[in-house]
């Protein structure tokens, strides 16, 4: 599935990353870094080259995706509370990420003073 297909089937705010794998096998490369980078830029994709063998950029791919999703939530582009947003919180306590917890002054009736 190409990126335009994914965008037609998913939320318009979908985060897509193009991962060039097997970075450690540079001699066997079929696509240059420049070609892949240009394709990613033209299609508004994030791009990283990774190597499962060495571990290079494997974790970074997930971190960058998560960071971009979080930025979209914080900017209001993505609303996790909206059905069909593609975002789900794993724990109800995490819903507080959008609005910081406010410490409330105790109610006069609850006050022990």
N, C-alpha and C. Protein backbone atom coordinates (compact mmCIF):
# COMPACT_ATOMS: atom_id res chain seq x y z
N UNK A 1 0.85 -1.17 0.00
CA UNK A 1 0.00 0.00 0.00
C UNK A 1 0.90 1.24 0.00
N UNK A 2 0.66 2.16 -0.88
CA UNK A 2 1.46 3.38 -0.92
C UNK A 2 0.88 4.40 0.05
N UNK A 3 1.65 5.43 0.33
CA UNK A 3 1.20 6.42 1.31
C UNK A 3 -0.10 7.12 0.90
N UNK A 4 -0.32 7.49 -0.38
CA UNK A 4 -1.61 8.09 -0.71
C UNK A 4 -2.78 7.15 -0.43
N UNK A 5 -2.59 5.83 -0.64
CA UNK A 5 -3.65 4.87 -0.32
C UNK A 5 -3.94 4.86 1.17
N UNK A 6 -2.89 4.85 1.98
CA UNK A 6 -3.06 4.84 3.44
C UNK A 6 -3.79 6.10 3.88
N UNK A 7 -3.46 7.22 3.31
CA UNK A 7 -4.11 8.47 3.71
C UNK A 7 -5.58 8.50 3.32
N UNK A 8 -5.94 7.83 2.23
CA UNK A 8 -7.35 7.79 1.82
C UNK A 8 -8.16 6.89 2.75
N UNK A 9 -7.52 5.87 3.32
CA UNK A 9 -8.23 4.91 4.15
C UNK A 9 -8.18 5.23 5.64
N UNK A 10 -7.33 6.13 6.04
CA UNK A 10 -7.15 6.43 7.47
C UNK A 10 -7.46 7.90 7.73
N UNK A 11 -7.24 8.29 8.97
CA UNK A 11 -7.41 9.69 9.36
C UNK A 11 -6.50 10.57 8.52
N UNK A 12 -6.96 11.77 8.21
CA UNK A 12 -6.14 12.70 7.43
C UNK A 12 -4.88 13.10 8.18
N UNK A 13 -4.86 12.91 9.49
CA UNK A 13 -3.69 13.26 10.31
C UNK A 13 -2.80 12.06 10.61
N UNK A 14 -2.90 11.03 9.78
CA UNK A 14 -2.10 9.82 9.99
C UNK A 14 -0.60 10.17 9.98
N UNK A 15 0.14 9.49 10.81
CA UNK A 15 1.59 9.66 10.85
C UNK A 15 2.20 8.43 10.17
N UNK A 16 2.97 8.68 9.12
CA UNK A 16 3.57 7.59 8.35
C UNK A 16 5.08 7.78 8.34
N UNK A 17 5.78 6.70 8.60
CA UNK A 17 7.24 6.75 8.55
C UNK A 17 7.72 5.73 7.51
N UNK A 18 8.63 6.17 6.68
CA UNK A 18 9.26 5.30 5.70
C UNK A 18 10.58 4.84 6.31
N UNK A 19 10.70 3.54 6.53
CA UNK A 19 11.92 2.99 7.11
C UNK A 19 12.69 2.22 6.04
N UNK A 20 13.87 2.70 5.76
CA UNK A 20 14.77 1.95 4.89
C UNK A 20 15.50 0.96 5.78
N UNK A 21 15.30 -0.33 5.53
CA UNK A 21 15.90 -1.34 6.41
C UNK A 21 17.21 -1.88 5.83
N UNK A 22 17.88 -2.64 6.64
CA UNK A 22 19.16 -3.26 6.28
C UNK A 22 20.23 -2.21 5.95
N UNK A 23 20.24 -1.14 6.73
CA UNK A 23 21.22 -0.08 6.54
C UNK A 23 22.65 -0.60 6.62
N UNK A 24 22.84 -1.69 7.32
CA UNK A 24 24.17 -2.27 7.48
C UNK A 24 24.69 -2.93 6.19
N UNK A 25 23.80 -3.17 5.22
CA UNK A 25 24.21 -3.79 3.95
C UNK A 25 24.33 -2.73 2.85
N UNK A 26 25.14 -1.73 3.10
CA UNK A 26 25.26 -0.60 2.18
C UNK A 26 25.69 -1.02 0.77
N UNK A 27 26.52 -2.05 0.66
CA UNK A 27 26.99 -2.50 -0.66
C UNK A 27 25.86 -3.08 -1.51
N UNK A 28 24.80 -3.59 -0.87
CA UNK A 28 23.69 -4.20 -1.59
C UNK A 28 22.52 -3.23 -1.81
N UNK A 29 22.75 -1.98 -1.56
CA UNK A 29 21.71 -0.95 -1.63
C UNK A 29 21.11 -0.87 -3.04
N UNK A 30 19.77 -0.80 -3.11
CA UNK A 30 19.08 -0.64 -4.39
C UNK A 30 18.50 0.76 -4.54
N UNK A 31 18.27 1.44 -3.41
CA UNK A 31 17.74 2.79 -3.41
C UNK A 31 18.70 3.66 -2.63
N UNK A 32 19.12 4.77 -3.21
CA UNK A 32 20.06 5.63 -2.50
C UNK A 32 19.33 6.38 -1.38
N UNK A 33 20.12 6.83 -0.42
CA UNK A 33 19.56 7.62 0.67
C UNK A 33 18.85 8.85 0.10
N UNK A 34 19.47 9.49 -0.88
CA UNK A 34 18.89 10.70 -1.48
C UNK A 34 17.55 10.41 -2.15
N UNK A 35 17.47 9.30 -2.90
CA UNK A 35 16.20 8.93 -3.55
C UNK A 35 15.09 8.70 -2.53
N UNK A 36 15.41 7.94 -1.51
CA UNK A 36 14.41 7.63 -0.48
C UNK A 36 14.02 8.89 0.29
N UNK A 37 15.00 9.71 0.61
CA UNK A 37 14.74 10.95 1.33
C UNK A 37 13.86 11.89 0.51
N UNK A 38 14.16 11.99 -0.76
CA UNK A 38 13.36 12.84 -1.66
C UNK A 38 11.93 12.32 -1.77
N UNK A 39 11.78 10.99 -1.92
CA UNK A 39 10.44 10.39 -1.99
C UNK A 39 9.65 10.70 -0.72
N UNK A 40 10.30 10.54 0.43
CA UNK A 40 9.64 10.80 1.71
C UNK A 40 9.20 12.26 1.80
N UNK A 41 10.07 13.16 1.39
CA UNK A 41 9.76 14.58 1.46
C UNK A 41 8.60 14.92 0.52
N UNK A 42 8.62 14.41 -0.70
CA UNK A 42 7.55 14.67 -1.67
C UNK A 42 6.20 14.14 -1.20
N UNK A 43 6.22 13.08 -0.41
CA UNK A 43 4.98 12.45 0.05
C UNK A 43 4.67 12.75 1.52
N UNK A 44 5.39 13.71 2.08
CA UNK A 44 5.19 14.15 3.46
C UNK A 44 5.26 12.99 4.45
N UNK A 45 6.32 12.20 4.30
CA UNK A 45 6.56 11.07 5.17
C UNK A 45 7.78 11.35 6.04
N UNK A 46 7.80 10.76 7.22
CA UNK A 46 9.02 10.78 8.01
C UNK A 46 9.93 9.72 7.39
N UNK A 47 11.24 9.89 7.53
CA UNK A 47 12.15 8.92 6.92
C UNK A 47 13.34 8.64 7.82
N UNK A 48 13.64 7.37 7.96
CA UNK A 48 14.82 6.91 8.69
C UNK A 48 15.33 5.65 8.02
N UNK A 49 16.63 5.48 8.06
CA UNK A 49 17.21 4.21 7.65
C UNK A 49 17.56 3.45 8.93
N UNK A 50 17.25 2.17 8.94
CA UNK A 50 17.44 1.36 10.14
C UNK A 50 18.24 0.10 9.85
N UNK A 51 18.74 -0.50 10.91
CA UNK A 51 19.38 -1.81 10.81
C UNK A 51 18.96 -2.64 12.02
N UNK A 52 18.26 -3.71 11.75
CA UNK A 52 17.90 -4.61 12.85
C UNK A 52 19.14 -5.34 13.37
N UNK A 53 20.09 -5.56 12.49
CA UNK A 53 21.31 -6.26 12.88
C UNK A 53 22.10 -5.46 13.93
N UNK A 54 22.30 -4.18 13.66
CA UNK A 54 23.06 -3.34 14.60
C UNK A 54 22.17 -2.62 15.60
N UNK A 55 20.87 -2.55 15.31
CA UNK A 55 19.93 -1.84 16.17
C UNK A 55 19.85 -0.35 15.87
N UNK A 56 20.62 0.10 14.89
CA UNK A 56 20.66 1.53 14.56
C UNK A 56 19.29 2.04 14.12
N UNK A 57 18.83 3.07 14.80
CA UNK A 57 17.58 3.79 14.51
C UNK A 57 16.30 2.97 14.66
N UNK A 58 16.37 1.76 15.17
CA UNK A 58 15.16 0.95 15.34
C UNK A 58 14.26 1.60 16.39
N UNK A 59 14.80 1.86 17.57
CA UNK A 59 14.01 2.50 18.62
C UNK A 59 13.65 3.94 18.21
N UNK A 60 14.58 4.60 17.55
CA UNK A 60 14.36 5.99 17.13
C UNK A 60 13.15 6.13 16.21
N UNK A 61 12.89 5.13 15.39
CA UNK A 61 11.72 5.17 14.50
C UNK A 61 10.43 5.26 15.32
N UNK A 62 10.34 4.46 16.38
CA UNK A 62 9.16 4.48 17.23
C UNK A 62 9.08 5.78 18.02
N UNK A 63 10.21 6.24 18.51
CA UNK A 63 10.24 7.48 19.31
C UNK A 63 9.80 8.66 18.45
N UNK A 64 10.31 8.75 17.23
CA UNK A 64 9.94 9.86 16.36
C UNK A 64 8.46 9.84 15.99
N UNK A 65 7.92 8.64 15.74
CA UNK A 65 6.48 8.52 15.44
C UNK A 65 5.66 8.97 16.65
N UNK A 66 6.01 8.46 17.81
CA UNK A 66 5.28 8.82 19.02
C UNK A 66 5.36 10.32 19.29
N UNK A 67 6.54 10.90 19.09
CA UNK A 67 6.72 12.34 19.32
C UNK A 67 5.84 13.15 18.36
N UNK A 68 5.78 12.71 17.11
CA UNK A 68 4.97 13.43 16.12
C UNK A 68 3.48 13.33 16.46
N UNK A 69 3.04 12.16 16.90
CA UNK A 69 1.65 11.98 17.31
C UNK A 69 1.33 12.88 18.50
N UNK A 70 2.22 12.88 19.49
CA UNK A 70 2.01 13.71 20.67
C UNK A 70 1.96 15.19 20.29
N UNK A 71 2.84 15.63 19.39
CA UNK A 71 2.81 17.02 18.93
C UNK A 71 1.47 17.36 18.27
N UNK A 72 0.93 16.42 17.50
CA UNK A 72 -0.35 16.65 16.84
C UNK A 72 -1.48 16.72 17.86
N UNK A 73 -1.39 15.93 18.92
CA UNK A 73 -2.40 15.99 19.98
C UNK A 73 -2.31 17.34 20.69
N UNK A 74 -1.09 17.73 21.05
CA UNK A 74 -0.90 19.00 21.77
C UNK A 74 -1.30 20.21 20.94
N UNK A 75 -1.13 20.15 19.62
CA UNK A 75 -1.50 21.28 18.77
C UNK A 75 -2.99 21.29 18.43
N UNK A 76 -3.69 20.21 18.77
CA UNK A 76 -5.12 20.13 18.48
C UNK A 76 -5.44 19.50 17.13
N UNK A 77 -4.42 19.12 16.37
CA UNK A 77 -4.67 18.46 15.08
C UNK A 77 -5.33 17.11 15.26
N UNK A 78 -4.95 16.41 16.32
CA UNK A 78 -5.53 15.11 16.65
C UNK A 78 -6.25 15.22 17.98
N UNK A 79 -7.44 14.66 18.05
CA UNK A 79 -8.20 14.64 19.30
C UNK A 79 -8.47 13.19 19.68
N UNK A 80 -7.74 12.68 20.66
CA UNK A 80 -7.92 11.28 21.06
C UNK A 80 -9.32 10.96 21.57
N UNK A 81 -10.06 11.98 21.97
CA UNK A 81 -11.42 11.76 22.47
C UNK A 81 -12.41 11.56 21.33
N UNK A 82 -12.02 11.93 20.11
CA UNK A 82 -12.92 11.82 18.96
C UNK A 82 -12.86 10.41 18.39
N UNK A 83 -14.03 9.82 18.20
CA UNK A 83 -14.09 8.49 17.56
C UNK A 83 -13.47 8.58 16.18
N UNK A 84 -12.70 7.57 15.82
CA UNK A 84 -12.09 7.54 14.51
C UNK A 84 -10.79 8.32 14.41
N UNK A 85 -10.31 8.85 15.53
CA UNK A 85 -9.06 9.61 15.49
C UNK A 85 -7.86 8.69 15.28
N UNK A 86 -8.04 7.42 15.61
CA UNK A 86 -6.94 6.47 15.49
C UNK A 86 -6.06 6.43 16.72
N UNK A 87 -6.39 7.25 17.73
CA UNK A 87 -5.61 7.32 18.95
C UNK A 87 -6.45 6.75 20.09
N UNK A 88 -5.83 5.93 20.90
CA UNK A 88 -6.50 5.38 22.07
C UNK A 88 -5.55 5.44 23.24
N UNK A 89 -6.06 5.83 24.39
CA UNK A 89 -5.27 5.77 25.60
C UNK A 89 -5.35 4.36 26.16
N UNK A 90 -4.24 3.84 26.65
CA UNK A 90 -4.24 2.51 27.24
C UNK A 90 -4.74 2.51 28.66
N UNK A 91 -4.71 3.64 29.32
CA UNK A 91 -5.08 3.74 30.72
C UNK A 91 -5.84 5.05 30.91
N UNK A 92 -6.96 5.00 31.61
CA UNK A 92 -7.77 6.20 31.82
C UNK A 92 -6.97 7.31 32.48
N UNK A 93 -6.00 6.97 33.31
CA UNK A 93 -5.19 7.98 33.99
C UNK A 93 -4.35 8.77 32.99
N UNK A 94 -4.03 8.17 31.85
CA UNK A 94 -3.22 8.87 30.85
C UNK A 94 -3.99 9.97 30.14
N UNK A 95 -5.29 9.98 30.28
CA UNK A 95 -6.09 11.03 29.64
C UNK A 95 -5.74 12.41 30.19
N UNK A 96 -5.11 12.43 31.33
CA UNK A 96 -4.71 13.69 31.95
C UNK A 96 -3.55 14.33 31.20
N UNK A 97 -2.95 13.64 30.25
CA UNK A 97 -1.83 14.20 29.49
C UNK A 97 -2.25 15.46 28.74
N UNK A 98 -3.47 15.47 28.24
CA UNK A 98 -3.94 16.63 27.46
C UNK A 98 -4.11 17.86 28.32
N UNK A 99 -4.67 17.69 29.49
CA UNK A 99 -4.85 18.83 30.39
C UNK A 99 -4.20 18.48 31.72
N UNK A 100 -3.19 19.26 32.10
CA UNK A 100 -2.48 18.95 33.34
C UNK A 100 -3.42 18.88 34.53
N UNK A 101 -3.11 17.99 35.45
CA UNK A 101 -3.93 17.87 36.65
C UNK A 101 -3.87 19.15 37.45
N UNK A 102 -5.02 19.55 37.89
CA UNK A 102 -5.08 20.75 38.73
C UNK A 102 -5.29 20.31 40.16
N UNK A 103 -4.52 20.85 41.04
CA UNK A 103 -4.74 20.54 42.44
C UNK A 103 -5.82 21.47 42.93
N UNK A 104 -6.90 20.88 43.44
CA UNK A 104 -8.02 21.67 43.90
C UNK A 104 -7.90 21.93 45.39
N UNK A 105 -8.27 23.13 45.76
CA UNK A 105 -8.31 23.46 47.18
C UNK A 105 -9.41 22.64 47.81
N UNK A 106 -9.22 22.16 49.02
CA UNK A 106 -10.26 21.37 49.66
C UNK A 106 -11.54 22.19 49.83
N UNK A 107 -12.65 21.53 49.66
CA UNK A 107 -13.96 22.13 49.85
C UNK A 107 -14.09 22.52 51.32
N UNK A 108 -14.80 23.60 51.59
CA UNK A 108 -14.95 24.08 52.97
C UNK A 108 -15.55 23.00 53.86
N UNK A 109 -16.47 22.18 53.29
CA UNK A 109 -17.10 21.13 54.08
C UNK A 109 -16.12 19.99 54.36
N UNK A 110 -15.14 19.80 53.47
CA UNK A 110 -14.16 18.72 53.65
C UNK A 110 -12.99 19.15 54.53
N UNK A 111 -12.84 20.44 54.73
CA UNK A 111 -11.69 20.96 55.45
C UNK A 111 -11.75 20.53 56.91
N UNK A 112 -10.62 20.06 57.41
CA UNK A 112 -10.57 19.62 58.79
C UNK A 112 -10.10 20.72 59.73
N UNK A 113 -10.08 21.97 59.26
CA UNK A 113 -9.59 23.05 60.14
C UNK A 113 -10.67 23.70 60.94
